[in-house]
Amino acid sequence: MSILQRPRYLNTNRDLLVTFSVYPDIPFSLSCGDCMDTTKHLVFSILLAISIVALGTVGYVLLEGWDILDAVYMTVITVATVGYGEVHKISRIGQFFTIILILLGVGYFLYVVGALVQFMVEGRIRTVLGRRILDNKIKRVKNHYIVCGYGRIGRVLCKNMRKKPVDLVVIESNQELIPVMEEDGVLYVDGNATDEPALLKAGIKNAKGLVAALASDADNVFLILTARQLNPDLYIMARASQNKSVTKLYAAGANKVESPYDIGAASMAQRILRPTVTSFIDLAFAYSREDIQMEEIPVSASSSLVNVMLKDSGIRQRFNLIIIAIKKSDDSMLFNPSFETVINAGDTVIAVGEYENLQKLEKILSR
């Protein structure tokens, strides 16, 4: 998959609850519209049954002169066809009214019972079928990222990561967050992220990276230890709530540890001290705009620009892009590289420009 390819956004609307879009060739959606229709159907049926009881009660009161309790009782046993017998002797017109009430009441009573059974059975089938298809999709993903925890940090992280075409699987044990994950359309595993079965179900053996964003640092340490045993080559990023936990998270096997509080404070300071710079960075990372974006593009060995100087690459002339940095294969960073800098295989080019032009450059560099 192209690293600059636009992601497949959820085709959501007011009636859509979940749409699994990781594999577009396997369409499956759980429609909230279906749930709403079934619910309205059930409510409407119950209201009709109440109306029939009210109609029968009024009819017996007016036609036979019975009191309300006797009229209600006669109506209920007639509609329910229990056959207890007449409450009082019924006149000729009362008999005709009872026949009509039976014809109307029995049909609608069965209709209500059928709607209730349909509501319960279809809801259960939908839940089981949806979970099974969700599990099948998780089994098929490879080179994906596992996000452990879908709280405030985890949800925002997933939202931003899904702006790029990457596959995500979330592990969350809080039952209250399941409707939120379904509404967001993410693949998820309902379980404790520190347990091996949950990690295996999320496909940790085939995963590319893992984000430990659980609520406590102790849980994140245990999660990292478990994940590192299951997949020694996994790239792990961890969230640290306290500075004293950073060394422990690294010791457990994390490749990178970040503190949301430190990052947030630093960002606020930069917005005060360098508002123009931060506005430019926000603009460059705004995927909703195409006039300017910043992207990193790895250079493959088969690229036609390998071992070519920047001045001879034609990147500026052909694509109207600005190369602001090149990360070399040894992780050294060349900021504002000179026009004589040579593009090598394994480099990562950081460019700024229009999205369409960035996509064209990606096709040449990453082939």
Protein backbone atom coordinates (compact mmCIF):
# COMPACT_ATOMS: atom_id res chain seq x y z
CA MET A 1 0.00 0.00 0.00
CA SER A 2 1.29 3.43 -0.90
CA ILE A 3 2.41 5.36 2.16
CA LEU A 4 0.90 8.53 0.71
CA GLN A 5 -2.32 6.95 -0.47
CA ARG A 6 -5.34 8.71 0.95
CA PRO A 7 -7.05 6.65 3.65
CA ARG A 8 -10.42 5.11 3.16
CA TYR A 9 -12.55 7.17 5.48
CA LEU A 10 -15.63 5.71 7.05
CA ASN A 11 -18.71 6.18 4.97
CA THR A 12 -20.72 7.26 7.97
CA ASN A 13 -24.10 8.90 8.24
CA ARG A 14 -26.77 9.24 10.86
CA ASP A 15 -28.02 5.69 10.27
CA LEU A 16 -24.64 3.95 10.16
CA LEU A 17 -23.18 2.53 13.32
CA VAL A 18 -20.25 0.43 12.20
CA THR A 19 -18.58 -0.03 8.84
CA PHE A 20 -15.46 -2.16 8.62
CA SER A 21 -13.32 -0.52 5.94
CA VAL A 22 -10.00 -2.27 6.43
CA TYR A 23 -10.86 -4.66 3.60
CA PRO A 24 -13.05 -2.84 1.07
CA ASP A 25 -13.44 -6.04 -0.92
CA ILE A 26 -15.36 -7.63 1.96
CA PRO A 27 -18.28 -5.29 2.52
CA PHE A 28 -20.05 -5.69 5.80
CA SER A 29 -21.81 -3.12 7.90
CA LEU A 30 -23.96 -3.10 10.97
CA SER A 31 -26.62 -0.52 10.33
CA CYS A 32 -28.04 1.44 13.19
CA GLY A 33 -30.93 2.19 10.84
CA ASP A 34 -31.89 -1.50 11.00
CA CYS A 35 -31.82 -1.35 14.80
CA MET A 36 -33.92 1.79 14.80
CA ASP A 37 -36.45 0.28 12.40
CA THR A 38 -36.82 -2.80 14.58
CA THR A 39 -37.22 -0.69 17.70
CA LYS A 40 -39.84 1.55 16.09
CA HIS A 41 -41.59 -1.55 14.80
CA LEU A 42 -41.77 -2.97 18.32
CA VAL A 43 -42.98 0.29 19.87
CA PHE A 44 -45.61 0.72 17.17
CA SER A 45 -46.86 -2.81 17.74
CA ILE A 46 -47.19 -2.30 21.48
CA LEU A 47 -49.08 0.96 20.93
CA LEU A 48 -51.48 -0.86 18.60
CA ALA A 49 -52.12 -3.53 21.23
CA ILE A 50 -52.84 -0.84 23.83
CA SER A 51 -55.19 0.84 21.37
CA ILE A 52 -57.11 -2.38 20.84
CA VAL A 53 -57.53 -2.87 24.58
CA ALA A 54 -58.73 0.72 24.91
CA LEU A 55 -61.14 0.26 21.98
CA GLY A 56 -62.59 -2.91 23.48
CA THR A 57 -62.97 -1.30 26.91
CA VAL A 58 -64.82 1.71 25.51
CA GLY A 59 -66.99 -0.53 23.33
CA TYR A 60 -68.15 -2.74 26.21
CA VAL A 61 -68.78 0.27 28.43
CA LEU A 62 -70.92 2.00 25.80
CA LEU A 63 -72.66 -1.04 24.31
CA GLU A 64 -73.18 -3.18 27.39
CA GLY A 65 -73.05 -0.58 30.14
CA TRP A 66 -70.38 -2.45 32.08
CA ASP A 67 -67.99 -0.81 34.49
CA ILE A 68 -64.41 -0.16 33.35
CA LEU A 69 -62.84 -3.10 35.20
CA ASP A 70 -65.27 -5.63 33.72
CA ALA A 71 -64.81 -4.08 30.26
CA VAL A 72 -61.00 -4.24 30.51
CA TYR A 73 -61.12 -7.80 31.80
CA MET A 74 -63.45 -8.93 28.99
CA THR A 75 -61.30 -7.22 26.39
CA VAL A 76 -58.05 -8.80 27.63
CA ILE A 77 -59.39 -12.36 27.83
CA THR A 78 -60.97 -11.95 24.40
CA VAL A 79 -57.81 -10.63 22.74
CA ALA A 80 -55.65 -13.22 24.52
CA THR A 81 -58.10 -16.02 23.58
CA VAL A 82 -57.85 -17.61 27.03
CA GLY A 83 -61.51 -18.69 26.95
CA TYR A 84 -62.56 -17.88 30.51
CA GLY A 85 -66.12 -17.16 29.41
CA GLU A 86 -68.20 -14.02 29.33
CA VAL A 87 -68.16 -11.65 32.31
CA HIS A 88 -71.86 -10.83 31.85
CA LYS A 89 -74.51 -11.89 29.40
CA ILE A 90 -73.78 -10.15 26.10
CA SER A 91 -76.41 -8.64 23.84
CA ARG A 92 -76.67 -9.35 20.13
CA ILE A 93 -74.77 -6.21 19.20
CA GLY A 94 -72.21 -7.06 21.89
CA GLN A 95 -71.63 -10.43 20.24
CA PHE A 96 -70.91 -8.77 16.88
CA PHE A 97 -68.55 -6.36 18.62
CA THR A 98 -66.75 -9.29 20.31
CA ILE A 99 -66.30 -11.06 16.97
CA ILE A 100 -64.73 -7.93 15.46
CA LEU A 101 -62.55 -7.51 18.56
CA ILE A 102 -61.34 -11.10 18.27
CA LEU A 103 -60.48 -10.73 14.60
CA LEU A 104 -58.57 -7.51 15.25
CA GLY A 105 -57.11 -8.39 18.60
CA VAL A 106 -55.77 -11.87 17.89
CA GLY A 107 -54.00 -10.73 14.76
CA TYR A 108 -52.39 -7.74 16.40
CA PHE A 109 -51.50 -9.70 19.51
CA LEU A 110 -49.60 -12.25 17.45
CA TYR A 111 -48.06 -9.38 15.52
CA VAL A 112 -46.71 -7.88 18.75
CA VAL A 113 -45.33 -11.22 19.93
CA GLY A 114 -43.65 -11.77 16.56
CA ALA A 115 -42.11 -8.31 16.67
CA LEU A 116 -40.77 -8.92 20.17
CA VAL A 117 -39.21 -12.26 19.17
CA GLN A 118 -37.76 -10.70 16.03
CA PHE A 119 -36.28 -7.85 18.05
CA MET A 120 -34.51 -10.19 20.49
CA VAL A 121 -33.38 -12.81 17.96
CA GLU A 122 -32.14 -10.40 15.30
CA GLY A 123 -30.27 -8.35 17.87
CA ARG A 124 -28.43 -11.41 19.13
CA ILE A 125 -27.67 -12.68 15.64
CA ARG A 126 -26.40 -9.27 14.60
CA THR A 127 -24.11 -9.11 17.61
CA VAL A 128 -22.68 -12.61 17.10
CA LEU A 129 -22.28 -12.19 13.34
CA GLY A 130 -20.67 -8.78 13.72
CA ARG A 131 -18.18 -10.05 16.29
CA ARG A 132 -17.27 -13.04 14.13
CA ILE A 133 -16.62 -10.92 11.05
CA LEU A 134 -14.68 -8.46 13.17
CA ASP A 135 -12.47 -11.28 14.47
CA ASN A 136 -11.90 -12.55 10.92
CA LYS A 137 -10.76 -9.11 9.81
CA ILE A 138 -8.35 -8.86 12.74
CA LYS A 139 -6.88 -12.25 11.82
CA ARG A 140 -6.13 -11.01 8.31
CA VAL A 141 -4.34 -7.77 9.14
CA LYS A 142 -0.55 -7.72 9.04
CA ASN A 143 2.06 -5.04 9.71
CA HIS A 144 -0.54 -3.20 11.75
CA TYR A 145 -0.38 -1.20 14.95
CA ILE A 146 -1.97 -2.29 18.22
CA VAL A 147 -3.26 0.49 20.44
CA CYS A 148 -3.80 -0.63 24.02
CA GLY A 149 -6.34 1.62 25.70
CA TYR A 150 -9.07 3.71 24.08
CA GLY A 151 -9.37 6.46 26.64
CA ARG A 152 -8.81 10.12 25.89
CA ILE A 153 -5.21 9.57 24.77
CA GLY A 154 -5.87 6.36 22.84
CA ARG A 155 -8.88 7.69 20.96
CA VAL A 156 -7.15 10.88 19.83
CA LEU A 157 -4.08 8.86 18.86
CA CYS A 158 -6.16 6.48 16.73
CA LYS A 159 -7.98 9.37 15.09
CA ASN A 160 -4.71 10.93 13.98
CA MET A 161 -3.08 7.66 12.93
CA ARG A 162 -6.06 6.79 10.73
CA LYS A 163 -5.39 9.88 8.66
CA LYS A 164 -2.68 7.76 7.06
CA PRO A 165 -3.48 4.39 5.46
CA VAL A 166 -2.37 2.23 8.38
CA ASP A 167 -4.23 -0.66 9.97
CA LEU A 168 -5.10 -0.39 13.65
CA VAL A 169 -6.39 -2.85 16.23
CA VAL A 170 -7.48 -1.54 19.62
CA ILE A 171 -7.50 -3.56 22.85
CA GLU A 172 -9.89 -2.19 25.47
CA SER A 173 -11.44 -3.80 28.55
CA ASN A 174 -13.90 -1.04 29.45
CA GLN A 175 -17.33 -2.18 28.29
CA GLU A 176 -18.61 1.40 28.21
CA LEU A 177 -16.13 2.24 25.45
CA ILE A 178 -17.29 -0.54 23.10
CA PRO A 179 -20.12 1.57 21.58
CA VAL A 180 -17.59 4.38 21.12
CA MET A 181 -15.19 2.11 19.23
CA GLU A 182 -18.03 0.76 17.12
CA GLU A 183 -19.16 4.27 16.30
CA ASP A 184 -15.59 5.22 15.34
CA GLY A 185 -15.36 2.11 13.15
CA VAL A 186 -12.12 0.72 14.58
CA LEU A 187 -11.15 -2.92 14.80
CA TYR A 188 -11.07 -3.82 18.47
CA VAL A 189 -10.55 -6.67 20.89
CA ASP A 190 -12.60 -6.72 24.06
CA GLY A 191 -10.12 -7.76 26.73
CA ASN A 192 -7.29 -6.84 29.07
CA ALA A 193 -4.26 -5.68 27.10
CA THR A 194 -1.89 -7.13 29.70
CA ASP A 195 -3.18 -10.66 29.03
CA GLU A 196 -1.47 -12.76 26.40
CA PRO A 197 -4.74 -14.07 24.84
CA ALA A 198 -5.90 -10.53 24.11
CA LEU A 199 -2.56 -9.60 22.52
CA LEU A 200 -2.52 -12.77 20.45
CA LYS A 201 -6.10 -12.16 19.32
CA ALA A 202 -5.05 -8.66 18.24
CA GLY A 203 -2.39 -10.25 16.01
CA ILE A 204 0.72 -9.23 17.91
CA LYS A 205 2.76 -11.87 16.10
CA ASN A 206 2.17 -10.06 12.79
CA ALA A 207 2.04 -6.51 14.17
CA LYS A 208 4.44 -3.76 13.23
CA GLY A 209 4.12 -1.69 16.38
CA LEU A 210 2.31 -1.34 19.68
CA VAL A 211 1.23 1.70 21.67
CA ALA A 212 0.92 1.23 25.43
CA ALA A 213 -1.61 3.87 26.42
CA LEU A 214 -3.14 2.26 29.50
CA ALA A 215 -4.22 4.39 32.45
CA SER A 216 -1.41 3.41 34.84
CA ASP A 217 2.32 3.21 34.29
CA ALA A 218 2.44 -0.11 36.15
CA ASP A 219 0.00 -1.65 33.66
CA ASN A 220 2.04 -0.26 30.77
CA VAL A 221 5.24 -1.80 32.18
CA PHE A 222 3.59 -5.22 32.49
CA LEU A 223 2.08 -4.84 29.01
CA ILE A 224 5.46 -4.03 27.47
CA LEU A 225 7.11 -7.02 29.17
CA THR A 226 4.40 -9.33 27.85
CA ALA A 227 4.41 -7.84 24.35
CA ARG A 228 8.19 -8.00 24.08
CA GLN A 229 8.13 -11.70 24.92
CA LEU A 230 5.49 -12.40 22.29
CA ASN A 231 7.19 -10.36 19.56
CA PRO A 232 10.84 -9.39 20.21
CA ASP A 233 11.02 -7.29 17.02
CA LEU A 234 7.94 -5.21 17.80
CA TYR A 235 8.30 -1.42 17.93
CA ILE A 236 6.76 -0.28 21.19
CA MET A 237 5.80 3.25 22.17
CA ALA A 238 4.63 3.84 25.72
CA ARG A 239 2.77 6.57 27.52
CA ALA A 240 4.26 7.77 30.82
CA SER A 241 2.07 9.51 33.36
CA GLN A 242 5.00 10.26 35.69
CA ASN A 243 8.59 11.15 34.90
CA LYS A 244 9.93 8.57 37.34
CA SER A 245 8.29 5.83 35.28
CA VAL A 246 10.19 6.65 32.08
CA THR A 247 13.29 4.61 32.98
CA LYS A 248 11.15 1.66 34.03
CA LEU A 249 9.25 1.70 30.74
CA TYR A 250 12.50 1.76 28.78
CA ALA A 251 13.88 -1.05 30.94
CA ALA A 252 10.75 -3.11 30.26
CA GLY A 253 11.48 -2.92 26.52
CA ALA A 254 9.85 0.24 25.14
CA ASN A 255 11.52 1.79 22.12
CA LYS A 256 10.06 5.23 22.79
CA VAL A 257 8.39 6.77 25.83
CA GLU A 258 6.33 9.95 25.69
CA SER A 259 4.61 11.98 28.37
CA PRO A 260 1.40 13.60 27.05
CA TYR A 261 1.61 16.18 29.80
CA ASP A 262 5.17 17.24 28.90
CA ILE A 263 4.32 17.34 25.20
CA GLY A 264 1.18 19.35 25.85
CA ALA A 265 3.04 21.84 28.03
CA ALA A 266 5.83 22.21 25.47
CA SER A 267 3.29 22.74 22.69
CA MET A 268 1.52 25.44 24.67
CA ALA A 269 4.84 27.20 25.30
CA GLN A 270 5.73 27.08 21.60
CA ARG A 271 2.35 28.52 20.64
CA ILE A 272 3.05 31.45 22.93
CA LEU A 273 6.69 31.98 21.92
CA ARG A 274 6.51 30.97 18.24
CA PRO A 275 2.88 31.31 17.10
CA THR A 276 3.72 31.63 13.41
CA VAL A 277 5.94 28.55 13.42
CA THR A 278 3.34 26.44 15.19
CA SER A 279 0.64 27.69 12.83
CA PHE A 280 2.77 26.58 9.88
CA ILE A 281 3.32 23.16 11.44
CA ASP A 282 -0.42 22.79 12.08
CA LEU A 283 -1.08 23.71 8.46
CA ALA A 284 1.52 21.28 7.16
CA PHE A 285 -0.06 18.40 9.07
CA ALA A 286 -3.67 19.31 8.25
CA TYR A 287 -4.79 16.40 6.06
CA SER A 288 -8.02 18.21 5.26
CA ARG A 289 -6.09 20.72 3.13
CA GLU A 290 -4.17 20.01 -0.06
CA ASP A 291 -2.44 23.34 -0.66
CA ILE A 292 0.46 22.48 1.64
CA GLN A 293 1.45 19.33 3.51
CA MET A 294 4.57 17.83 5.01
CA GLU A 295 5.44 14.20 4.37
CA GLU A 296 8.28 11.72 4.89
CA ILE A 297 9.05 9.43 1.97
CA PRO A 298 11.42 6.45 2.24
CA VAL A 299 13.77 5.86 -0.69
CA SER A 300 13.78 2.34 -2.09
CA ALA A 301 16.77 0.76 -3.80
CA SER A 302 14.82 0.51 -7.07
CA SER A 303 14.14 4.26 -7.27
CA SER A 304 15.46 6.06 -10.33
CA LEU A 305 16.73 8.87 -8.08
CA VAL A 306 19.08 6.68 -6.05
CA ASN A 307 22.68 8.06 -6.14
CA VAL A 308 21.41 11.25 -7.77
CA MET A 309 22.19 14.72 -6.43
CA LEU A 310 19.30 16.97 -5.44
CA LYS A 311 20.26 19.48 -8.11
CA ASP A 312 19.95 16.77 -10.77
CA SER A 313 16.82 15.10 -9.36
CA GLY A 314 14.41 17.70 -10.74
CA ILE A 315 12.28 17.50 -7.59
CA ARG A 316 11.99 21.26 -7.29
CA GLN A 317 11.37 21.86 -10.99
CA ARG A 318 9.04 18.92 -11.69
CA PHE A 319 7.01 18.77 -8.50
CA ASN A 320 7.42 22.22 -6.93
CA LEU A 321 8.40 20.63 -3.62
CA ILE A 322 10.81 21.81 -0.96
CA ILE A 323 13.17 19.25 0.60
CA ILE A 324 13.61 20.45 4.16
CA ALA A 325 15.56 17.45 5.48
CA ILE A 326 16.92 14.02 4.64
CA LYS A 327 17.26 11.31 7.23
CA LYS A 328 20.14 9.01 6.35
CA SER A 329 20.17 5.27 6.91
CA ASP A 330 22.39 5.74 10.00
CA ASP A 331 19.63 7.94 11.57
CA SER A 332 21.63 11.14 11.06
CA MET A 333 19.52 14.10 9.95
CA LEU A 334 20.56 16.58 7.25
CA PHE A 335 18.53 19.77 7.69
CA ASN A 336 18.23 22.04 4.67
CA PRO A 337 20.41 19.73 2.55
CA SER A 338 22.60 21.35 -0.07
CA PHE A 339 21.91 20.92 -3.77
CA GLU A 340 24.91 18.56 -3.95
CA THR A 341 23.44 16.13 -1.41
CA VAL A 342 23.13 12.64 -2.89
CA ILE A 343 19.92 10.64 -2.43
CA ASN A 344 20.77 7.13 -1.27
CA ALA A 345 18.73 3.98 -0.84
CA GLY A 346 17.43 3.73 2.71
CA ASP A 347 17.18 7.51 3.11
CA THR A 348 13.96 9.20 4.17
CA VAL A 349 13.16 12.42 2.36
CA ILE A 350 11.11 15.02 4.23
CA ALA A 351 9.34 17.29 1.77
CA VAL A 352 6.77 20.10 1.88
CA GLY A 353 4.29 20.93 -0.87
CA GLU A 354 0.96 20.04 -2.38
CA TYR A 355 -0.42 16.61 -1.66
CA GLU A 356 -0.74 15.64 -5.31
CA ASN A 357 2.91 16.48 -5.97
CA LEU A 358 4.00 14.63 -2.84
CA GLN A 359 2.17 11.59 -4.13
CA LYS A 360 3.96 11.81 -7.46
CA LEU A 361 7.33 12.03 -5.73
CA GLU A 362 6.44 9.06 -3.54
CA LYS A 363 5.79 6.93 -6.63
CA ILE A 364 9.31 7.71 -7.85
CA LEU A 365 11.16 7.34 -4.56
CA SER A 366 9.32 4.38 -3.04
CA ARG A 367 8.21 2.57 -6.22
